[in-house]
Amino acid sequence: MNQQHNYQDLQDEETEYTMRLKGLLRLKRRGDWEKVSGDLGISRENAMMAFRRIHSKYHYDVVAALERVIEERQKRITGKE
């Protein structure tokens, strides 16, 4: 079986994920880390560090929680539930 990995696809996926994280940081507001840490039951500092460290235990949980916090805020701002 000849399995070849397409490293360009892997690089593209990593680039897209990195851009997604940067977008979240642009949308993040004061107090968001506290909400994320409260939702996950971890400290604010742990949430911030897990966000930066992609291979950390809580990274994907923190990203998902931050997305929820941002989405909820945007819904409240626009008045859409």
C-alpha atoms as a PDB file:
ATOM      1  CA  MET A   1       0.000   0.000   0.000  1.00  0.00           C
ATOM      2  CA  ASN A   2       1.423   3.272  -1.076  1.00  0.00           C
ATOM      3  CA  GLN A   3       0.220   5.919   1.341  1.00  0.00           C
ATOM      4  CA  GLN A   4       1.460   9.376   0.656  1.00  0.00           C
ATOM      5  CA  HIS A   5       0.807  12.312   2.880  1.00  0.00           C
ATOM      6  CA  ASN A   6      -0.009  15.574   1.288  1.00  0.00           C
ATOM      7  CA  TYR A   7       1.980  17.929   3.466  1.00  0.00           C
ATOM      8  CA  GLN A   8       0.624  20.967   1.650  1.00  0.00           C
ATOM      9  CA  ASP A   9      -2.864  20.039   2.843  1.00  0.00           C
ATOM     10  CA  LEU A  10      -1.566  19.713   6.403  1.00  0.00           C
ATOM     11  CA  GLN A  11       0.099  23.119   6.161  1.00  0.00           C
ATOM     12  CA  ASP A  12      -3.092  24.637   4.780  1.00  0.00           C
ATOM     13  CA  GLU A  13      -5.122  23.186   7.667  1.00  0.00           C
ATOM     14  CA  GLU A  14      -2.616  24.513  10.206  1.00  0.00           C
ATOM     15  CA  THR A  15      -2.693  27.940   8.583  1.00  0.00           C
ATOM     16  CA  GLU A  16      -6.506  28.003   8.627  1.00  0.00           C
ATOM     17  CA  TYR A  17      -6.568  26.977  12.290  1.00  0.00           C
ATOM     18  CA  THR A  18      -4.018  29.639  13.186  1.00  0.00           C
ATOM     19  CA  MET A  19      -6.100  32.264  11.387  1.00  0.00           C
ATOM     20  CA  ARG A  20      -9.179  31.068  13.297  1.00  0.00           C
ATOM     21  CA  LEU A  21      -7.335  31.531  16.598  1.00  0.00           C
ATOM     22  CA  LYS A  22      -6.147  34.997  15.584  1.00  0.00           C
ATOM     23  CA  GLY A  23      -9.720  35.916  14.664  1.00  0.00           C
ATOM     24  CA  LEU A  24     -10.919  34.833  18.090  1.00  0.00           C
ATOM     25  CA  LEU A  25      -8.274  36.981  19.742  1.00  0.00           C
ATOM     26  CA  ARG A  26      -9.432  39.990  17.716  1.00  0.00           C
ATOM     27  CA  LEU A  27     -13.029  39.445  18.863  1.00  0.00           C
ATOM     28  CA  LYS A  28     -12.137  38.713  22.497  1.00  0.00           C
ATOM     29  CA  ARG A  29     -13.073  41.371  25.035  1.00  0.00           C
ATOM     30  CA  ARG A  30     -12.212  42.112  28.630  1.00  0.00           C
ATOM     31  CA  GLY A  31     -13.737  39.537  30.934  1.00  0.00           C
ATOM     32  CA  ASP A  32     -13.947  36.752  28.347  1.00  0.00           C
ATOM     33  CA  TRP A  33     -11.153  34.726  29.951  1.00  0.00           C
ATOM     34  CA  GLU A  34     -13.002  34.847  33.273  1.00  0.00           C
ATOM     35  CA  LYS A  35     -16.154  33.501  31.620  1.00  0.00           C
ATOM     36  CA  VAL A  36     -14.209  30.769  29.825  1.00  0.00           C
ATOM     37  CA  SER A  37     -12.371  29.750  32.985  1.00  0.00           C
ATOM     38  CA  GLY A  38     -15.629  29.689  34.947  1.00  0.00           C
ATOM     39  CA  ASP A  39     -17.312  27.522  32.324  1.00  0.00           C
ATOM     40  CA  LEU A  40     -14.447  25.021  32.344  1.00  0.00           C
ATOM     41  CA  GLY A  41     -13.612  25.140  36.036  1.00  0.00           C
ATOM     42  CA  ILE A  42      -9.990  26.145  35.481  1.00  0.00           C
ATOM     43  CA  SER A  43      -8.084  29.296  36.374  1.00  0.00           C
ATOM     44  CA  ARG A  44      -8.003  32.339  34.108  1.00  0.00           C
ATOM     45  CA  GLU A  45      -4.252  31.904  33.620  1.00  0.00           C
ATOM     46  CA  ASN A  46      -4.685  28.233  32.748  1.00  0.00           C
ATOM     47  CA  ALA A  47      -7.319  29.122  30.146  1.00  0.00           C
ATOM     48  CA  MET A  48      -5.056  31.744  28.569  1.00  0.00           C
ATOM     49  CA  MET A  49      -2.087  29.370  28.487  1.00  0.00           C
ATOM     50  CA  ALA A  50      -4.149  26.490  27.100  1.00  0.00           C
ATOM     51  CA  PHE A  51      -5.357  28.754  24.289  1.00  0.00           C
ATOM     52  CA  ARG A  52      -1.766  29.497  23.285  1.00  0.00           C
ATOM     53  CA  ARG A  53      -0.547  25.906  23.606  1.00  0.00           C
ATOM     54  CA  ILE A  54      -2.263  23.934  20.869  1.00  0.00           C
ATOM     55  CA  HIS A  55      -1.279  20.536  22.254  1.00  0.00           C
ATOM     56  CA  SER A  56      -2.306  21.269  25.835  1.00  0.00           C
ATOM     57  CA  LYS A  57      -4.970  19.270  27.637  1.00  0.00           C
ATOM     58  CA  TYR A  58      -7.630  22.000  27.591  1.00  0.00           C
ATOM     59  CA  HIS A  59      -6.805  23.762  24.300  1.00  0.00           C
ATOM     60  CA  TYR A  60      -9.817  22.641  22.272  1.00  0.00           C
ATOM     61  CA  ASP A  61     -12.165  23.084  25.228  1.00  0.00           C
ATOM     62  CA  VAL A  62     -10.911  26.641  25.745  1.00  0.00           C
ATOM     63  CA  VAL A  63     -11.281  27.473  22.044  1.00  0.00           C
ATOM     64  CA  ALA A  64     -14.846  26.127  21.996  1.00  0.00           C
ATOM     65  CA  ALA A  65     -15.755  27.997  25.199  1.00  0.00           C
ATOM     66  CA  LEU A  66     -14.278  31.255  23.892  1.00  0.00           C
ATOM     67  CA  GLU A  67     -16.238  30.865  20.657  1.00  0.00           C
ATOM     68  CA  ARG A  68     -19.450  30.387  22.683  1.00  0.00           C
ATOM     69  CA  VAL A  69     -18.739  33.464  24.822  1.00  0.00           C
ATOM     70  CA  ILE A  70     -18.082  35.615  21.747  1.00  0.00           C
ATOM     71  CA  GLU A  71     -21.137  34.247  19.932  1.00  0.00           C
ATOM     72  CA  GLU A  72     -23.397  34.913  22.920  1.00  0.00           C
ATOM     73  CA  ARG A  73     -22.119  38.483  23.201  1.00  0.00           C
ATOM     74  CA  GLN A  74     -22.660  39.122  19.489  1.00  0.00           C
ATOM     75  CA  LYS A  75     -26.215  37.768  19.738  1.00  0.00           C
ATOM     76  CA  ARG A  76     -26.941  40.112  22.657  1.00  0.00           C
ATOM     77  CA  ILE A  77     -25.489  43.084  20.778  1.00  0.00           C
ATOM     78  CA  THR A  78     -27.548  42.445  17.665  1.00  0.00           C
ATOM     79  CA  GLY A  79     -30.613  41.498  19.705  1.00  0.00           C
ATOM     80  CA  LYS A  80     -30.984  38.112  18.011  1.00  0.00           C
ATOM     81  CA  GLU A  81     -31.658  35.073  20.158  1.00  0.00           C
END
